[in-house]
């Protein structure tokens, strides 16, 4: 397995509220995006990944022998992280209301297990195509599912970045969980909205296959997002199953 990651504040933001963390020994990958408009987004995203790392270190996913057990661990992990963020927020009035998205993945035996809260995404390639595995928890995505607007209209909507689910905003959070079988030549991409808002899925797919070095791939994707405007923080994790 090859892994590369990169995070950048972009061209328009004064600070980077994204966080990325790789637990190579556990084949566990995580990304968080501090929610724009809330206070201390960078603290929220950092807390989210620190808490998730603690959970993973204390609860060995390798001991889980089926998908249902892994997903129960994911549910417990998300709520452990959620309570941790809320507890930190209670320690300082400057942290009041802080929140974050969260997406993470665990890979074992060519099977990917993933969960998300918010609009940070996970993609997988298969047979030369790019598939979005996670589903955005956003106001406009709810409108799309209701048939009120099209996906093209959603991409231009003035509320496209309003999320409906985030870590740290309520007492209990239920993530969406996914299980995907991966081909030997699969690529996995985990990213914040700063990437997919600026770079088309067609171009993302080409870049994922253009590089065998996943660190170079991650850097290229971030550079492309900045070249196309860099209106938000940009974070990516690129994974190839090839040795």
C-alpha atoms as a PDB file:
ATOM      1  CA  UNK A   1       0.000   0.000   0.000  1.00  0.00           C
ATOM      2  CA  UNK A   2       1.229   3.491  -0.905  1.00  0.00           C
ATOM      3  CA  UNK A   3      -0.043   6.614   0.858  1.00  0.00           C
ATOM      4  CA  UNK A   4       0.422  10.344   0.365  1.00  0.00           C
ATOM      5  CA  UNK A   5      -1.252  13.315   2.005  1.00  0.00           C
ATOM      6  CA  UNK A   6      -1.193  17.089   1.841  1.00  0.00           C
ATOM      7  CA  UNK A   7      -3.046  19.945   3.521  1.00  0.00           C
ATOM      8  CA  UNK A   8      -2.930  23.629   2.596  1.00  0.00           C
ATOM      9  CA  UNK A   9      -4.767  26.763   3.713  1.00  0.00           C
ATOM     10  CA  UNK A  10      -5.530  27.740   0.109  1.00  0.00           C
ATOM     11  CA  UNK A  11      -5.248  31.208  -1.360  1.00  0.00           C
ATOM     12  CA  UNK A  12      -8.168  32.961   0.325  1.00  0.00           C
ATOM     13  CA  UNK A  13      -8.159  31.776   3.938  1.00  0.00           C
ATOM     14  CA  UNK A  14      -5.936  33.199   6.664  1.00  0.00           C
ATOM     15  CA  UNK A  15      -5.576  29.882   8.496  1.00  0.00           C
ATOM     16  CA  UNK A  16      -5.957  26.178   7.845  1.00  0.00           C
ATOM     17  CA  UNK A  17      -8.906  24.631   9.690  1.00  0.00           C
ATOM     18  CA  UNK A  18      -8.392  21.188   8.077  1.00  0.00           C
ATOM     19  CA  UNK A  19      -6.579  18.332   9.808  1.00  0.00           C
ATOM     20  CA  UNK A  20      -5.228  15.061   8.409  1.00  0.00           C
ATOM     21  CA  UNK A  21      -3.810  12.053  10.228  1.00  0.00           C
ATOM     22  CA  UNK A  22      -2.490   8.671   9.053  1.00  0.00           C
ATOM     23  CA  UNK A  23      -2.153   5.640  11.343  1.00  0.00           C
ATOM     24  CA  UNK A  24      -0.039   3.489   9.040  1.00  0.00           C
ATOM     25  CA  UNK A  25       0.277   0.570  11.432  1.00  0.00           C
ATOM     26  CA  UNK A  26      -3.506   0.293  11.663  1.00  0.00           C
ATOM     27  CA  UNK A  27      -4.201   1.079   7.968  1.00  0.00           C
ATOM     28  CA  UNK A  28      -6.443   3.845   9.287  1.00  0.00           C
ATOM     29  CA  UNK A  29      -6.836   7.216   7.590  1.00  0.00           C
ATOM     30  CA  UNK A  30      -8.720  10.293   8.810  1.00  0.00           C
ATOM     31  CA  UNK A  31      -9.543  13.831   7.770  1.00  0.00           C
ATOM     32  CA  UNK A  32     -11.501  16.625   9.452  1.00  0.00           C
ATOM     33  CA  UNK A  33     -12.566  20.077   8.293  1.00  0.00           C
ATOM     34  CA  UNK A  34     -13.386  22.731  10.892  1.00  0.00           C
ATOM     35  CA  UNK A  35     -16.818  24.080  10.032  1.00  0.00           C
ATOM     36  CA  UNK A  36     -16.656  27.507   8.406  1.00  0.00           C
ATOM     37  CA  UNK A  37     -18.418  30.257  10.297  1.00  0.00           C
ATOM     38  CA  UNK A  38     -18.026  28.535  13.658  1.00  0.00           C
ATOM     39  CA  UNK A  39     -15.410  29.557  16.176  1.00  0.00           C
ATOM     40  CA  UNK A  40     -12.095  27.712  16.491  1.00  0.00           C
ATOM     41  CA  UNK A  41     -12.597  25.398  13.541  1.00  0.00           C
ATOM     42  CA  UNK A  42      -8.927  24.475  13.543  1.00  0.00           C
ATOM     43  CA  UNK A  43      -9.186  23.400  17.193  1.00  0.00           C
ATOM     44  CA  UNK A  44     -12.289  21.317  16.477  1.00  0.00           C
ATOM     45  CA  UNK A  45     -10.709  19.449  13.552  1.00  0.00           C
ATOM     46  CA  UNK A  46      -7.501  18.808  15.488  1.00  0.00           C
ATOM     47  CA  UNK A  47      -9.450  17.579  18.523  1.00  0.00           C
ATOM     48  CA  UNK A  48     -11.511  15.296  16.309  1.00  0.00           C
ATOM     49  CA  UNK A  49      -8.459  13.477  14.972  1.00  0.00           C
ATOM     50  CA  UNK A  50      -6.651  13.369  18.317  1.00  0.00           C
ATOM     51  CA  UNK A  51      -9.718  11.757  19.889  1.00  0.00           C
ATOM     52  CA  UNK A  52     -10.189   9.335  17.000  1.00  0.00           C
ATOM     53  CA  UNK A  53      -6.546   8.279  17.197  1.00  0.00           C
ATOM     54  CA  UNK A  54      -6.996   7.628  20.914  1.00  0.00           C
ATOM     55  CA  UNK A  55     -10.090   5.510  20.253  1.00  0.00           C
ATOM     56  CA  UNK A  56      -8.370   3.446  17.558  1.00  0.00           C
ATOM     57  CA  UNK A  57      -5.313   2.861  19.751  1.00  0.00           C
ATOM     58  CA  UNK A  58      -7.492   1.581  22.596  1.00  0.00           C
ATOM     59  CA  UNK A  59      -9.983  -0.445  20.532  1.00  0.00           C
ATOM     60  CA  UNK A  60      -8.230  -2.760  18.102  1.00  0.00           C
ATOM     61  CA  UNK A  61     -10.191  -2.936  14.869  1.00  0.00           C
ATOM     62  CA  UNK A  62      -8.112  -5.921  13.803  1.00  0.00           C
ATOM     63  CA  UNK A  63      -9.951  -7.924  16.482  1.00  0.00           C
ATOM     64  CA  UNK A  64     -13.320  -7.282  14.783  1.00  0.00           C
ATOM     65  CA  UNK A  65     -14.225 -10.281  12.637  1.00  0.00           C
ATOM     66  CA  UNK A  66     -17.189  -8.937  10.648  1.00  0.00           C
ATOM     67  CA  UNK A  67     -18.579  -5.773   9.099  1.00  0.00           C
ATOM     68  CA  UNK A  68     -21.259  -5.299  11.742  1.00  0.00           C
ATOM     69  CA  UNK A  69     -18.690  -5.287  14.546  1.00  0.00           C
ATOM     70  CA  UNK A  70     -16.491  -2.816  12.678  1.00  0.00           C
ATOM     71  CA  UNK A  71     -19.471  -0.524  12.092  1.00  0.00           C
ATOM     72  CA  UNK A  72     -20.419  -0.685  15.780  1.00  0.00           C
ATOM     73  CA  UNK A  73     -16.864   0.410  16.546  1.00  0.00           C
ATOM     74  CA  UNK A  74     -17.252   3.259  14.068  1.00  0.00           C
ATOM     75  CA  UNK A  75     -20.461   4.403  15.746  1.00  0.00           C
ATOM     76  CA  UNK A  76     -18.821   4.308  19.170  1.00  0.00           C
ATOM     77  CA  UNK A  77     -15.752   6.093  17.790  1.00  0.00           C
ATOM     78  CA  UNK A  78     -17.776   8.931  16.298  1.00  0.00           C
ATOM     79  CA  UNK A  79     -19.640   9.545  19.524  1.00  0.00           C
ATOM     80  CA  UNK A  80     -16.448   9.335  21.557  1.00  0.00           C
ATOM     81  CA  UNK A  81     -14.994  12.029  19.273  1.00  0.00           C
ATOM     82  CA  UNK A  82     -18.193  14.075  19.472  1.00  0.00           C
ATOM     83  CA  UNK A  83     -18.189  14.077  23.260  1.00  0.00           C
ATOM     84  CA  UNK A  84     -14.485  14.924  23.312  1.00  0.00           C
ATOM     85  CA  UNK A  85     -15.036  18.003  21.130  1.00  0.00           C
ATOM     86  CA  UNK A  86     -17.949  19.122  23.290  1.00  0.00           C
ATOM     87  CA  UNK A  87     -15.869  18.641  26.460  1.00  0.00           C
ATOM     88  CA  UNK A  88     -13.009  20.732  25.059  1.00  0.00           C
ATOM     89  CA  UNK A  89     -15.494  23.401  23.950  1.00  0.00           C
ATOM     90  CA  UNK A  90     -16.705  23.665  27.536  1.00  0.00           C
ATOM     91  CA  UNK A  91     -13.204  24.553  28.777  1.00  0.00           C
ATOM     92  CA  UNK A  92     -12.930  27.928  27.032  1.00  0.00           C
ATOM     93  CA  UNK A  93     -15.554  30.410  25.877  1.00  0.00           C
ATOM     94  CA  UNK A  94     -13.487  30.976  22.714  1.00  0.00           C
ATOM     95  CA  UNK A  95     -14.245  27.362  21.737  1.00  0.00           C
ATOM     96  CA  UNK A  96     -17.991  27.626  22.232  1.00  0.00           C
ATOM     97  CA  UNK A  97     -19.857  26.319  19.191  1.00  0.00           C
ATOM     98  CA  UNK A  98     -16.812  24.825  17.479  1.00  0.00           C
ATOM     99  CA  UNK A  99     -17.575  21.958  15.112  1.00  0.00           C
ATOM    100  CA  UNK A 100     -15.988  19.816  12.429  1.00  0.00           C
ATOM    101  CA  UNK A 101     -16.684  17.374   9.647  1.00  0.00           C
ATOM    102  CA  UNK A 102     -15.103  13.927   9.905  1.00  0.00           C
ATOM    103  CA  UNK A 103     -14.359  11.183   7.398  1.00  0.00           C
ATOM    104  CA  UNK A 104     -12.207   8.134   8.040  1.00  0.00           C
ATOM    105  CA  UNK A 105     -11.317   4.806   6.461  1.00  0.00           C
ATOM    106  CA  UNK A 106      -9.944   1.452   7.569  1.00  0.00           C
ATOM    107  CA  UNK A 107      -8.512  -0.913   4.962  1.00  0.00           C
ATOM    108  CA  UNK A 108      -8.093  -4.638   5.535  1.00  0.00           C
ATOM    109  CA  UNK A 109      -7.678  -7.471   3.019  1.00  0.00           C
ATOM    110  CA  UNK A 110      -8.662  -5.317   0.030  1.00  0.00           C
ATOM    111  CA  UNK A 111     -11.831  -4.214   1.807  1.00  0.00           C
ATOM    112  CA  UNK A 112     -12.429  -0.599   2.737  1.00  0.00           C
ATOM    113  CA  UNK A 113     -14.602   0.343   5.689  1.00  0.00           C
ATOM    114  CA  UNK A 114     -15.448   4.036   5.948  1.00  0.00           C
ATOM    115  CA  UNK A 115     -17.632   6.493   7.832  1.00  0.00           C
ATOM    116  CA  UNK A 116     -18.418  10.180   7.491  1.00  0.00           C
ATOM    117  CA  UNK A 117     -20.160  13.093   9.139  1.00  0.00           C
ATOM    118  CA  UNK A 118     -20.510  16.307   7.122  1.00  0.00           C
ATOM    119  CA  UNK A 119     -19.337  17.039   3.593  1.00  0.00           C
ATOM    120  CA  UNK A 120     -15.761  15.786   3.522  1.00  0.00           C
ATOM    121  CA  UNK A 121     -15.652  12.957   1.003  1.00  0.00           C
ATOM    122  CA  UNK A 122     -14.182   9.577   0.184  1.00  0.00           C
ATOM    123  CA  UNK A 123     -13.821   8.398  -3.427  1.00  0.00           C
ATOM    124  CA  UNK A 124     -12.747   5.043  -4.877  1.00  0.00           C
ATOM    125  CA  UNK A 125     -11.630   4.198  -8.398  1.00  0.00           C
ATOM    126  CA  UNK A 126     -12.769   1.043 -10.171  1.00  0.00           C
ATOM    127  CA  UNK A 127     -12.339   0.003 -13.815  1.00  0.00           C
ATOM    128  CA  UNK A 128     -11.202   3.472 -14.812  1.00  0.00           C
ATOM    129  CA  UNK A 129     -14.047   5.331 -13.143  1.00  0.00           C
ATOM    130  CA  UNK A 130     -14.304   7.461 -10.001  1.00  0.00           C
ATOM    131  CA  UNK A 131     -17.050   6.758  -7.465  1.00  0.00           C
ATOM    132  CA  UNK A 132     -18.071   8.979  -4.560  1.00  0.00           C
ATOM    133  CA  UNK A 133     -18.658   6.554  -1.695  1.00  0.00           C
ATOM    134  CA  UNK A 134     -19.702   8.955   1.053  1.00  0.00           C
ATOM    135  CA  UNK A 135     -22.807  11.091   0.858  1.00  0.00           C
ATOM    136  CA  UNK A 136     -22.661  14.793   1.713  1.00  0.00           C
ATOM    137  CA  UNK A 137     -24.660  15.850   4.747  1.00  0.00           C
ATOM    138  CA  UNK A 138     -25.616  19.209   3.274  1.00  0.00           C
ATOM    139  CA  UNK A 139     -28.714  21.315   2.734  1.00  0.00           C
ATOM    140  CA  UNK A 140     -28.392  21.205  -1.053  1.00  0.00           C
ATOM    141  CA  UNK A 141     -27.822  17.448  -1.155  1.00  0.00           C
ATOM    142  CA  UNK A 142     -31.084  17.029   0.757  1.00  0.00           C
ATOM    143  CA  UNK A 143     -32.760  19.158  -1.929  1.00  0.00           C
ATOM    144  CA  UNK A 144     -31.246  16.959  -4.642  1.00  0.00           C
ATOM    145  CA  UNK A 145     -32.530  13.791  -2.959  1.00  0.00           C
ATOM    146  CA  UNK A 146     -35.996  15.356  -2.739  1.00  0.00           C
ATOM    147  CA  UNK A 147     -35.865  16.174  -6.447  1.00  0.00           C
ATOM    148  CA  UNK A 148     -36.181  19.908  -5.779  1.00  0.00           C
ATOM    149  CA  UNK A 149     -32.964  20.788  -7.636  1.00  0.00           C
ATOM    150  CA  UNK A 150     -30.529  19.017  -9.956  1.00  0.00           C
ATOM    151  CA  UNK A 151     -26.913  18.170  -9.089  1.00  0.00           C
ATOM    152  CA  UNK A 152     -25.782  20.858 -11.506  1.00  0.00           C
ATOM    153  CA  UNK A 153     -27.966  23.415  -9.734  1.00  0.00           C
ATOM    154  CA  UNK A 154     -26.632  22.193  -6.404  1.00  0.00           C
ATOM    155  CA  UNK A 155     -23.043  22.913  -7.498  1.00  0.00           C
ATOM    156  CA  UNK A 156     -23.956  26.582  -8.025  1.00  0.00           C
ATOM    157  CA  UNK A 157     -26.338  26.987  -5.079  1.00  0.00           C
ATOM    158  CA  UNK A 158     -25.499  29.791  -2.630  1.00  0.00           C
ATOM    159  CA  UNK A 159     -26.025  27.389   0.289  1.00  0.00           C
ATOM    160  CA  UNK A 160     -24.007  24.492  -1.118  1.00  0.00           C
ATOM    161  CA  UNK A 161     -21.607  24.534   1.855  1.00  0.00           C
ATOM    162  CA  UNK A 162     -24.278  24.544   4.560  1.00  0.00           C
ATOM    163  CA  UNK A 163     -23.910  21.195   6.312  1.00  0.00           C
ATOM    164  CA  UNK A 164     -26.681  19.411   8.186  1.00  0.00           C
ATOM    165  CA  UNK A 165     -24.534  17.124  10.349  1.00  0.00           C
ATOM    166  CA  UNK A 166     -21.275  17.934  12.144  1.00  0.00           C
ATOM    167  CA  UNK A 167     -19.147  16.798  15.047  1.00  0.00           C
ATOM    168  CA  UNK A 168     -19.596  18.767  18.254  1.00  0.00           C
ATOM    169  CA  UNK A 169     -23.030  20.295  17.662  1.00  0.00           C
ATOM    170  CA  UNK A 170     -25.332  17.796  19.382  1.00  0.00           C
ATOM    171  CA  UNK A 171     -25.266  15.133  22.058  1.00  0.00           C
ATOM    172  CA  UNK A 172     -25.440  12.151  19.704  1.00  0.00           C
ATOM    173  CA  UNK A 173     -24.152  11.766  16.142  1.00  0.00           C
ATOM    174  CA  UNK A 174     -24.909   8.933  13.752  1.00  0.00           C
ATOM    175  CA  UNK A 175     -22.379   8.562  10.927  1.00  0.00           C
ATOM    176  CA  UNK A 176     -23.010   6.956   7.566  1.00  0.00           C
ATOM    177  CA  UNK A 177     -20.948   3.771   7.217  1.00  0.00           C
ATOM    178  CA  UNK A 178     -19.781   2.072   4.040  1.00  0.00           C
ATOM    179  CA  UNK A 179     -18.047  -1.149   3.002  1.00  0.00           C
ATOM    180  CA  UNK A 180     -16.370  -1.416  -0.420  1.00  0.00           C
ATOM    181  CA  UNK A 181     -14.372  -4.231  -2.033  1.00  0.00           C
ATOM    182  CA  UNK A 182     -11.250  -2.813  -3.680  1.00  0.00           C
ATOM    183  CA  UNK A 183      -9.497  -4.067  -6.792  1.00  0.00           C
ATOM    184  CA  UNK A 184      -5.718  -4.548  -6.702  1.00  0.00           C
ATOM    185  CA  UNK A 185      -5.180  -1.370  -8.756  1.00  0.00           C
ATOM    186  CA  UNK A 186      -7.710   0.756  -6.867  1.00  0.00           C
ATOM    187  CA  UNK A 187      -7.053   4.285  -5.717  1.00  0.00           C
ATOM    188  CA  UNK A 188      -8.731   5.771  -2.644  1.00  0.00           C
ATOM    189  CA  UNK A 189      -9.089   9.523  -2.171  1.00  0.00           C
ATOM    190  CA  UNK A 190     -10.179  11.229   1.042  1.00  0.00           C
ATOM    191  CA  UNK A 191     -10.608  14.996   0.749  1.00  0.00           C
ATOM    192  CA  UNK A 192     -12.165  18.162   2.082  1.00  0.00           C
ATOM    193  CA  UNK A 193     -14.515  20.322   0.018  1.00  0.00           C
ATOM    194  CA  UNK A 194     -11.632  22.615  -0.828  1.00  0.00           C
ATOM    195  CA  UNK A 195     -10.555  20.032  -3.397  1.00  0.00           C
ATOM    196  CA  UNK A 196     -13.771  18.942  -5.073  1.00  0.00           C
ATOM    197  CA  UNK A 197     -15.190  22.480  -5.195  1.00  0.00           C
ATOM    198  CA  UNK A 198     -12.210  23.516  -7.335  1.00  0.00           C
ATOM    199  CA  UNK A 199     -11.172  20.400  -9.295  1.00  0.00           C
ATOM    200  CA  UNK A 200     -13.557  18.378 -11.474  1.00  0.00           C
ATOM    201  CA  UNK A 201     -14.044  14.676 -10.831  1.00  0.00           C
ATOM    202  CA  UNK A 202     -12.734  13.972 -14.331  1.00  0.00           C
ATOM    203  CA  UNK A 203      -9.487  15.766 -13.544  1.00  0.00           C
ATOM    204  CA  UNK A 204      -9.251  14.115 -10.107  1.00  0.00           C
ATOM    205  CA  UNK A 205      -9.567  10.698 -11.737  1.00  0.00           C
ATOM    206  CA  UNK A 206      -6.854  11.466 -14.302  1.00  0.00           C
ATOM    207  CA  UNK A 207      -4.512  12.674 -11.570  1.00  0.00           C
ATOM    208  CA  UNK A 208      -5.069   9.599  -9.396  1.00  0.00           C
ATOM    209  CA  UNK A 209      -3.985   7.338 -12.255  1.00  0.00           C
ATOM    210  CA  UNK A 210      -1.266   9.664 -13.536  1.00  0.00           C
ATOM    211  CA  UNK A 211       0.928   9.158 -10.471  1.00  0.00           C
ATOM    212  CA  UNK A 212       2.322   5.984  -8.945  1.00  0.00           C
ATOM    213  CA  UNK A 213       3.824   8.095  -6.139  1.00  0.00           C
ATOM    214  CA  UNK A 214       0.861   8.941  -3.918  1.00  0.00           C
ATOM    215  CA  UNK A 215       2.642  11.843  -2.201  1.00  0.00           C
ATOM    216  CA  UNK A 216       3.247  13.458  -5.593  1.00  0.00           C
ATOM    217  CA  UNK A 217      -0.398  12.762  -6.434  1.00  0.00           C
ATOM    218  CA  UNK A 218      -1.607  14.484  -3.258  1.00  0.00           C
ATOM    219  CA  UNK A 219       0.595  17.513  -3.908  1.00  0.00           C
ATOM    220  CA  UNK A 220      -0.615  17.749  -7.506  1.00  0.00           C
ATOM    221  CA  UNK A 221      -4.273  17.735  -6.466  1.00  0.00           C
ATOM    222  CA  UNK A 222      -3.704  20.488  -3.908  1.00  0.00           C
ATOM    223  CA  UNK A 223      -1.776  22.544  -6.465  1.00  0.00           C
ATOM    224  CA  UNK A 224      -4.609  22.189  -8.981  1.00  0.00           C
ATOM    225  CA  UNK A 225      -7.166  23.365  -6.403  1.00  0.00           C
ATOM    226  CA  UNK A 226      -5.035  26.424  -5.686  1.00  0.00           C
ATOM    227  CA  UNK A 227      -4.541  27.132  -9.389  1.00  0.00           C
ATOM    228  CA  UNK A 228      -8.316  27.033  -9.845  1.00  0.00           C
ATOM    229  CA  UNK A 229      -8.940  29.579  -7.109  1.00  0.00           C
ATOM    230  CA  UNK A 230      -7.965  28.051  -3.775  1.00  0.00           C
ATOM    231  CA  UNK A 231     -11.045  29.553  -2.128  1.00  0.00           C
ATOM    232  CA  UNK A 232     -10.954  27.194   0.853  1.00  0.00           C
ATOM    233  CA  UNK A 233      -8.557  25.035   2.821  1.00  0.00           C
ATOM    234  CA  UNK A 234      -7.556  21.959   0.805  1.00  0.00           C
ATOM    235  CA  UNK A 235      -6.699  18.548   2.238  1.00  0.00           C
ATOM    236  CA  UNK A 236      -6.247  15.180   0.550  1.00  0.00           C
ATOM    237  CA  UNK A 237      -5.177  11.656   1.356  1.00  0.00           C
ATOM    238  CA  UNK A 238      -4.281   9.489  -1.641  1.00  0.00           C
ATOM    239  CA  UNK A 239      -3.989   5.710  -1.261  1.00  0.00           C
ATOM    240  CA  UNK A 240      -2.917   3.044  -3.749  1.00  0.00           C
ATOM    241  CA  UNK A 241      -3.251  -0.643  -2.956  1.00  0.00           C
ATOM    242  CA  UNK A 242      -0.281  -1.462  -5.170  1.00  0.00           C
ATOM    243  CA  UNK A 243       2.910  -2.282  -3.282  1.00  0.00           C
END
